[in-house]
């Protein structure tokens, strides 16, 4: 996969849930939200406090994290609000 900003090749792997290429080391798929640390037959549900339809990406343009409970899962930045 290529960086959308600089076109540099980013090492990645395939999401077992949807088949999208995700960066190596990612915790969640950026396309479907699948937790890459869980088994393929497990799903993230609303009991975990994570809503796939309304997920919020980290506002830092260089981070691939998502916001859960007001904090980015990758870089740890807190989101105002």
N, C-alpha and C. Protein backbone atom coordinates (compact mmCIF):
# COMPACT_ATOMS: atom_id res chain seq x y z
N UNK A 1 0.84 -1.18 0.00
CA UNK A 1 0.00 0.00 0.00
C UNK A 1 0.88 1.23 0.00
N UNK A 2 0.39 2.31 -0.62
CA UNK A 2 1.16 3.54 -0.72
C UNK A 2 0.58 4.63 0.17
N UNK A 3 1.47 5.46 0.70
CA UNK A 3 1.06 6.63 1.47
C UNK A 3 0.30 7.57 0.53
N UNK A 4 -0.88 8.04 0.93
CA UNK A 4 -1.64 8.94 0.05
C UNK A 4 -1.00 10.32 -0.10
N UNK A 5 -0.05 10.65 0.76
CA UNK A 5 0.57 11.97 0.71
C UNK A 5 1.89 11.98 -0.05
N UNK A 6 2.77 11.01 0.25
CA UNK A 6 4.11 11.04 -0.35
C UNK A 6 4.34 9.91 -1.35
N UNK A 7 3.38 9.00 -1.49
CA UNK A 7 3.47 7.87 -2.43
C UNK A 7 4.52 6.82 -2.03
N UNK A 8 5.09 6.94 -0.82
CA UNK A 8 6.06 5.96 -0.35
C UNK A 8 5.34 4.65 -0.04
N UNK A 9 5.97 3.53 -0.36
CA UNK A 9 5.38 2.22 -0.10
C UNK A 9 5.38 1.94 1.41
N UNK A 10 4.23 1.55 1.96
CA UNK A 10 4.07 1.24 3.37
C UNK A 10 3.88 -0.26 3.50
N UNK A 11 4.70 -0.95 4.30
CA UNK A 11 4.51 -2.39 4.47
C UNK A 11 3.14 -2.66 5.08
N UNK A 12 2.47 -3.68 4.59
CA UNK A 12 1.14 -3.98 5.09
C UNK A 12 0.79 -5.44 4.99
N UNK A 13 -0.38 -5.75 5.53
CA UNK A 13 -0.92 -7.10 5.45
C UNK A 13 -2.41 -6.99 5.13
N UNK A 14 -3.05 -8.12 4.95
CA UNK A 14 -4.45 -8.14 4.55
C UNK A 14 -5.35 -8.36 5.76
N UNK A 15 -6.41 -7.57 5.87
CA UNK A 15 -7.41 -7.76 6.93
C UNK A 15 -8.11 -9.09 6.69
N UNK A 16 -8.17 -9.97 7.69
CA UNK A 16 -8.82 -11.26 7.51
C UNK A 16 -10.34 -11.15 7.38
N UNK A 17 -10.90 -10.02 7.74
CA UNK A 17 -12.35 -9.84 7.70
C UNK A 17 -12.82 -9.34 6.33
N UNK A 18 -12.17 -8.29 5.79
CA UNK A 18 -12.67 -7.67 4.55
C UNK A 18 -11.68 -7.72 3.39
N UNK A 19 -10.42 -8.09 3.65
CA UNK A 19 -9.44 -8.21 2.58
C UNK A 19 -8.71 -6.93 2.22
N UNK A 20 -8.98 -5.83 2.91
CA UNK A 20 -8.30 -4.57 2.65
C UNK A 20 -6.87 -4.64 3.17
N UNK A 21 -5.93 -4.00 2.49
CA UNK A 21 -4.56 -3.93 2.96
C UNK A 21 -4.47 -2.89 4.07
N UNK A 22 -3.88 -3.30 5.19
CA UNK A 22 -3.71 -2.41 6.34
C UNK A 22 -2.23 -2.32 6.68
N UNK A 23 -1.76 -1.19 7.24
CA UNK A 23 -0.35 -1.06 7.59
C UNK A 23 0.06 -2.10 8.64
N UNK A 24 1.29 -2.60 8.52
CA UNK A 24 1.82 -3.52 9.53
C UNK A 24 1.76 -2.86 10.89
N UNK A 25 1.35 -3.58 11.90
CA UNK A 25 1.28 -3.07 13.26
C UNK A 25 -0.03 -2.40 13.62
N UNK A 26 -0.94 -2.28 12.64
CA UNK A 26 -2.24 -1.65 12.93
C UNK A 26 -3.04 -2.52 13.88
N UNK A 27 -3.80 -1.88 14.75
CA UNK A 27 -4.64 -2.61 15.70
C UNK A 27 -6.03 -2.88 15.13
N UNK A 28 -6.48 -2.00 14.24
CA UNK A 28 -7.80 -2.12 13.63
C UNK A 28 -7.70 -1.91 12.13
N UNK A 29 -8.58 -2.54 11.37
CA UNK A 29 -8.67 -2.31 9.94
C UNK A 29 -9.30 -0.94 9.72
N UNK A 30 -8.70 -0.14 8.84
CA UNK A 30 -9.22 1.21 8.57
C UNK A 30 -10.50 1.17 7.73
N UNK A 31 -10.77 0.05 7.07
CA UNK A 31 -11.97 -0.06 6.23
C UNK A 31 -13.18 -0.58 7.01
N UNK A 32 -13.02 -1.71 7.71
CA UNK A 32 -14.18 -2.32 8.37
C UNK A 32 -14.15 -2.21 9.89
N UNK A 33 -13.02 -1.78 10.48
CA UNK A 33 -12.93 -1.63 11.93
C UNK A 33 -12.61 -2.91 12.67
N UNK A 34 -12.34 -3.99 11.94
CA UNK A 34 -12.05 -5.27 12.57
C UNK A 34 -10.81 -5.16 13.45
N UNK A 35 -10.87 -5.69 14.65
CA UNK A 35 -9.72 -5.69 15.55
C UNK A 35 -8.75 -6.77 15.07
N UNK A 36 -7.57 -6.36 14.64
CA UNK A 36 -6.61 -7.30 14.06
C UNK A 36 -5.98 -8.21 15.09
N UNK A 37 -6.24 -7.98 16.37
CA UNK A 37 -5.73 -8.85 17.42
C UNK A 37 -6.71 -9.92 17.83
N UNK A 38 -7.88 -9.97 17.20
CA UNK A 38 -8.90 -10.95 17.58
C UNK A 38 -9.04 -12.02 16.51
N UNK A 39 -9.72 -13.09 16.84
CA UNK A 39 -9.96 -14.16 15.88
C UNK A 39 -10.95 -13.68 14.82
N UNK A 40 -10.89 -14.30 13.65
CA UNK A 40 -11.73 -13.89 12.53
C UNK A 40 -13.22 -13.98 12.84
N UNK A 41 -13.64 -14.95 13.64
CA UNK A 41 -15.07 -15.10 13.90
C UNK A 41 -15.58 -14.21 15.02
N UNK A 42 -14.70 -13.47 15.69
CA UNK A 42 -15.12 -12.53 16.72
C UNK A 42 -15.45 -11.19 16.08
N UNK A 43 -16.43 -10.49 16.60
CA UNK A 43 -16.81 -9.18 16.07
C UNK A 43 -16.72 -8.14 17.17
N UNK A 44 -16.46 -6.89 16.78
CA UNK A 44 -16.53 -5.77 17.71
C UNK A 44 -17.98 -5.36 17.77
N UNK A 45 -18.53 -5.24 18.95
CA UNK A 45 -19.93 -4.82 19.04
C UNK A 45 -20.07 -3.62 19.96
N UNK A 46 -21.29 -3.12 20.05
CA UNK A 46 -21.52 -1.91 20.82
C UNK A 46 -21.24 -2.09 22.31
N UNK A 47 -21.19 -3.33 22.81
CA UNK A 47 -20.86 -3.56 24.22
C UNK A 47 -19.42 -3.13 24.53
N UNK A 48 -18.57 -3.10 23.50
CA UNK A 48 -17.19 -2.68 23.67
C UNK A 48 -17.04 -1.16 23.63
N UNK A 49 -18.14 -0.43 23.40
CA UNK A 49 -18.08 1.01 23.28
C UNK A 49 -17.60 1.47 21.92
N UNK A 50 -17.65 0.59 20.93
CA UNK A 50 -17.16 0.90 19.58
C UNK A 50 -18.29 0.70 18.59
N UNK A 51 -18.62 1.74 17.86
CA UNK A 51 -19.70 1.71 16.88
C UNK A 51 -19.09 1.83 15.49
N UNK A 52 -19.10 0.75 14.72
CA UNK A 52 -18.47 0.76 13.39
C UNK A 52 -19.05 1.82 12.46
N UNK A 53 -20.34 2.02 12.51
CA UNK A 53 -20.98 2.98 11.60
C UNK A 53 -20.60 4.41 11.91
N UNK A 54 -20.33 4.71 13.18
CA UNK A 54 -20.06 6.08 13.59
C UNK A 54 -18.64 6.26 14.15
N UNK A 55 -17.71 5.39 13.74
CA UNK A 55 -16.34 5.49 14.26
C UNK A 55 -15.72 6.82 13.84
N UNK A 56 -14.81 7.30 14.66
CA UNK A 56 -14.15 8.58 14.41
C UNK A 56 -12.66 8.32 14.26
N UNK A 57 -12.09 8.77 13.14
CA UNK A 57 -10.66 8.61 12.93
C UNK A 57 -9.90 9.67 13.72
N UNK A 58 -8.68 9.37 14.05
CA UNK A 58 -7.82 10.32 14.77
C UNK A 58 -7.69 11.59 13.92
N UNK A 59 -7.84 12.76 14.54
CA UNK A 59 -7.75 14.01 13.79
C UNK A 59 -6.33 14.34 13.33
N UNK A 60 -5.32 13.65 13.86
CA UNK A 60 -3.94 13.84 13.42
C UNK A 60 -3.82 13.21 12.03
N UNK A 61 -3.52 13.98 11.04
CA UNK A 61 -3.48 13.50 9.66
C UNK A 61 -2.46 12.41 9.37
N UNK A 62 -1.56 12.14 10.29
CA UNK A 62 -0.54 11.12 10.06
C UNK A 62 -0.81 9.85 10.85
N UNK A 63 -1.85 9.82 11.65
CA UNK A 63 -2.16 8.68 12.52
C UNK A 63 -3.27 7.84 11.92
N UNK A 64 -3.20 6.53 12.10
CA UNK A 64 -4.22 5.63 11.58
C UNK A 64 -5.19 5.15 12.66
N UNK A 65 -5.11 5.73 13.84
CA UNK A 65 -5.95 5.30 14.95
C UNK A 65 -7.40 5.75 14.84
N UNK A 66 -8.21 5.21 15.72
CA UNK A 66 -9.61 5.60 15.84
C UNK A 66 -9.84 6.09 17.27
N UNK A 67 -10.84 6.91 17.44
CA UNK A 67 -11.14 7.48 18.75
C UNK A 67 -12.11 6.58 19.50
N UNK A 68 -11.67 6.14 20.67
CA UNK A 68 -12.52 5.35 21.56
C UNK A 68 -12.43 6.00 22.93
N UNK A 69 -13.58 6.32 23.51
CA UNK A 69 -13.65 6.97 24.82
C UNK A 69 -12.82 8.25 24.86
N UNK A 70 -12.85 9.02 23.77
CA UNK A 70 -12.18 10.32 23.73
C UNK A 70 -10.69 10.29 23.53
N UNK A 71 -10.13 9.10 23.22
CA UNK A 71 -8.68 8.97 23.08
C UNK A 71 -8.34 8.10 21.87
N UNK A 72 -7.28 8.46 21.15
CA UNK A 72 -6.85 7.70 19.98
C UNK A 72 -6.24 6.38 20.41
N UNK A 73 -6.60 5.30 19.70
CA UNK A 73 -6.09 3.97 20.02
C UNK A 73 -4.64 3.78 19.61
N UNK A 74 -4.11 4.62 18.72
CA UNK A 74 -2.73 4.47 18.25
C UNK A 74 -1.78 5.45 18.91
N UNK A 75 -2.06 6.75 18.79
CA UNK A 75 -1.10 7.74 19.29
C UNK A 75 -1.42 8.23 20.70
N UNK A 76 -2.63 7.93 21.20
CA UNK A 76 -2.99 8.30 22.56
C UNK A 76 -3.48 9.73 22.75
N UNK A 77 -3.54 10.50 21.67
CA UNK A 77 -4.01 11.89 21.80
C UNK A 77 -5.45 11.92 22.25
N UNK A 78 -5.76 12.86 23.13
CA UNK A 78 -7.13 13.06 23.59
C UNK A 78 -7.83 14.00 22.62
N UNK A 79 -9.11 13.75 22.41
CA UNK A 79 -9.90 14.57 21.50
C UNK A 79 -10.78 15.48 22.34
N UNK A 80 -10.71 16.78 22.10
CA UNK A 80 -11.55 17.71 22.86
C UNK A 80 -13.03 17.43 22.64
N UNK A 81 -13.79 17.60 23.68
CA UNK A 81 -15.23 17.46 23.52
C UNK A 81 -15.83 16.55 24.44
